[in-house]
Amino acid sequence: MKSGFFEKGSSDEMTASNHLALGRIYSSMHRYDLAFEHFSAALDLDSSLSEALYYRGICYWRMGDFQLALTDFMLAADLGWNLKDVRNFTSYVRFKMGDYLGAIADLDQLFESSSISLRELLFTKKELDILKNNTSRIH
């Protein structure tokens, strides 16, 4: 049952979709702490919400918890979230963690599975140069 912007549950409690909407609003305001709380609440109500996992992964990333961000991104992908979006973030998170080979592997998968331009990547040109220079030393 809808009442205004938000759906009402059986006893006027927040639904998963309400928490998801509030999480997106707080995320757009760069209030990742509050967005995180709502995405987590949505997942408590419906653990199959790939969108909540994906956006909570972004919150983790923005709050500096890269390992938990990777976990949420991969779970979101397993539940059917757009792999192009997931690989873009996982490659960048792995780069920030210093896992250059993992970042390259994710980028390879990204370019193999979808059409994406360099402008769509989260990386700056300087970061791509760092990645290129570090991986050439590893090989």
Protein backbone atom coordinates (compact mmCIF):
# COMPACT_ATOMS: atom_id res chain seq x y z
CA MET A 1 0.00 0.00 0.00
CA LYS A 2 1.46 3.37 -0.95
CA SER A 3 1.00 6.51 1.04
CA GLY A 4 2.72 9.47 -0.59
CA PHE A 5 6.32 8.74 -1.49
CA PHE A 6 6.84 5.71 0.74
CA GLU A 7 5.11 2.37 0.93
CA LYS A 8 3.42 1.41 4.19
CA GLY A 9 3.96 -2.03 5.65
CA SER A 10 1.41 -3.95 7.65
CA SER A 11 1.99 -1.87 10.77
CA ASP A 12 3.39 1.33 9.25
CA GLU A 13 6.99 0.09 9.50
CA MET A 14 9.45 0.91 6.76
CA THR A 15 9.64 -1.52 3.87
CA ALA A 16 12.80 -2.62 2.11
CA SER A 17 11.98 -0.37 -0.83
CA ASN A 18 11.59 2.62 1.52
CA HIS A 19 15.00 1.97 3.02
CA LEU A 20 16.42 1.58 -0.47
CA ALA A 21 14.93 4.93 -1.53
CA LEU A 22 16.23 6.70 1.57
CA GLY A 23 19.64 5.14 1.09
CA ARG A 24 19.79 6.48 -2.46
CA ILE A 25 18.75 9.94 -1.24
CA TYR A 26 21.39 10.03 1.49
CA SER A 27 24.00 8.66 -0.91
CA SER A 28 23.27 11.46 -3.38
CA MET A 29 23.84 13.90 -0.50
CA HIS A 30 27.21 12.20 0.23
CA ARG A 31 25.91 11.07 3.62
CA TYR A 32 27.30 7.58 3.21
CA ASP A 33 26.95 6.79 6.91
CA LEU A 34 23.18 7.30 6.79
CA ALA A 35 22.88 5.71 3.34
CA PHE A 36 24.74 2.67 4.65
CA GLU A 37 22.25 2.29 7.52
CA HIS A 38 19.30 2.31 5.12
CA PHE A 39 20.86 -0.08 2.61
CA SER A 40 21.68 -2.45 5.48
CA ALA A 41 18.11 -2.16 6.82
CA ALA A 42 16.76 -2.94 3.33
CA LEU A 43 18.96 -6.03 3.20
CA ASP A 44 17.79 -7.10 6.65
CA LEU A 45 14.26 -7.08 5.25
CA ASP A 46 15.14 -8.60 1.85
CA SER A 47 18.60 -10.14 1.44
CA SER A 48 18.08 -10.62 -2.30
CA LEU A 49 18.17 -6.89 -3.12
CA SER A 50 21.16 -6.69 -5.44
CA GLU A 51 20.66 -2.92 -5.71
CA ALA A 52 21.03 -2.48 -1.94
CA LEU A 53 24.20 -4.59 -1.95
CA TYR A 54 25.67 -2.62 -4.83
CA TYR A 55 24.96 0.76 -3.26
CA ARG A 56 26.05 -0.38 0.19
CA GLY A 57 29.30 -1.44 -1.50
CA ILE A 58 29.68 2.12 -2.73
CA CYS A 59 29.13 3.36 0.84
CA TYR A 60 31.81 0.99 2.13
CA TRP A 61 34.14 2.22 -0.60
CA ARG A 62 33.45 5.87 0.20
CA MET A 63 33.97 5.18 3.91
CA GLY A 64 37.31 3.45 3.17
CA ASP A 65 36.37 -0.17 3.94
CA PHE A 66 37.56 -1.66 0.67
CA GLN A 67 37.35 -5.34 1.61
CA LEU A 68 33.68 -5.09 2.62
CA ALA A 69 33.01 -3.04 -0.52
CA LEU A 70 34.44 -5.86 -2.65
CA THR A 71 32.31 -8.40 -0.82
CA ASP A 72 29.10 -6.44 -1.41
CA PHE A 73 29.95 -5.78 -5.06
CA MET A 74 30.58 -9.46 -5.71
CA LEU A 75 27.38 -10.50 -3.90
CA ALA A 76 25.44 -7.95 -5.96
CA ALA A 77 26.90 -9.43 -9.14
CA ASP A 78 25.95 -12.93 -8.00
CA LEU A 79 22.38 -11.70 -7.54
CA GLY A 80 22.29 -10.26 -11.05
CA TRP A 81 23.45 -6.65 -10.71
CA ASN A 82 25.02 -5.21 -13.87
CA LEU A 83 28.52 -6.70 -14.20
CA LYS A 84 29.76 -3.61 -16.03
CA ASP A 85 29.03 -1.49 -12.95
CA VAL A 86 30.44 -4.10 -10.58
CA ARG A 87 33.71 -4.62 -12.48
CA ASN A 88 34.24 -0.88 -12.79
CA PHE A 89 34.11 -0.58 -9.01
CA THR A 90 35.94 -3.79 -8.13
CA SER A 91 38.85 -2.91 -10.42
CA TYR A 92 39.13 0.51 -8.82
CA VAL A 93 38.79 -0.80 -5.25
CA ARG A 94 41.45 -3.44 -5.91
CA PHE A 95 43.72 -0.71 -7.30
CA LYS A 96 43.19 1.38 -4.14
CA MET A 97 44.04 -1.70 -2.06
CA GLY A 98 47.30 -2.14 -4.00
CA ASP A 99 46.08 -5.32 -5.70
CA TYR A 100 47.22 -4.30 -9.17
CA LEU A 101 46.93 -7.75 -10.70
CA GLY A 102 43.37 -8.07 -9.37
CA ALA A 103 42.53 -4.65 -10.78
CA ILE A 104 43.90 -5.63 -14.19
CA ALA A 105 41.97 -8.93 -14.11
CA ASP A 106 38.73 -7.07 -13.36
CA LEU A 107 39.46 -4.54 -16.10
CA ASP A 108 40.13 -7.37 -18.55
CA GLN A 109 36.79 -8.94 -17.67
CA LEU A 110 35.10 -5.57 -17.93
CA PHE A 111 36.44 -4.90 -21.43
CA GLU A 112 35.72 -8.47 -22.58
CA SER A 113 32.13 -8.50 -21.37
CA SER A 114 30.91 -5.03 -22.24
CA SER A 115 31.55 -2.00 -24.33
CA ILE A 116 32.99 0.66 -22.08
CA SER A 117 35.07 3.70 -22.84
CA LEU A 118 38.02 4.85 -20.79
CA ARG A 119 35.97 7.91 -19.78
CA GLU A 120 33.48 5.65 -18.02
CA LEU A 121 36.15 4.14 -15.77
CA LEU A 122 36.55 5.39 -12.22
CA PHE A 123 40.30 5.73 -12.79
CA THR A 124 41.98 9.01 -13.54
CA LYS A 125 44.64 9.04 -16.26
CA LYS A 126 47.31 9.30 -13.56
CA GLU A 127 45.90 6.24 -11.76
CA LEU A 128 45.83 4.25 -14.99
CA ASP A 129 49.47 5.21 -15.55
CA ILE A 130 50.33 4.04 -12.03
CA LEU A 131 48.52 0.76 -12.68
CA LYS A 132 50.28 0.30 -16.01
CA ASN A 133 53.72 1.07 -14.54
CA ASN A 134 53.26 -1.23 -11.54
CA THR A 135 51.92 -4.15 -13.53
CA SER A 136 54.72 -3.91 -16.11
CA ARG A 137 57.20 -4.36 -13.23
CA ILE A 138 55.33 -7.42 -11.95
CA HIS A 139 55.37 -9.29 -15.27
